[in-house]
Amino acid sequence: MPIRWMAWESVLMGKFTSKTDVWSFAVTLWEILTFAREQPFENLSDDKVIENIGHMYQDNKKH
């Protein structure tokens, strides 16, 4: 799965909406504008990306 390009709702809950599509499009657009010189969260392993997404989800639930 391309977790680095997916919204956290899609990764954690399997939820796909127009908002998650916009997120993925924005990440793709960012790649185009930076000439794909960097991978999103390139300094993190896939497991760490998922772990960080979990933290973002927890923080979002508190608000």
Foldseek 3Di string as FASTA:
>chain_A
DLVLLFQLCCVPPVDDDVVRVVSSVVQVVVCVVVVVPDGRVNVDDPVVSNVVSVVVVVVVVVD
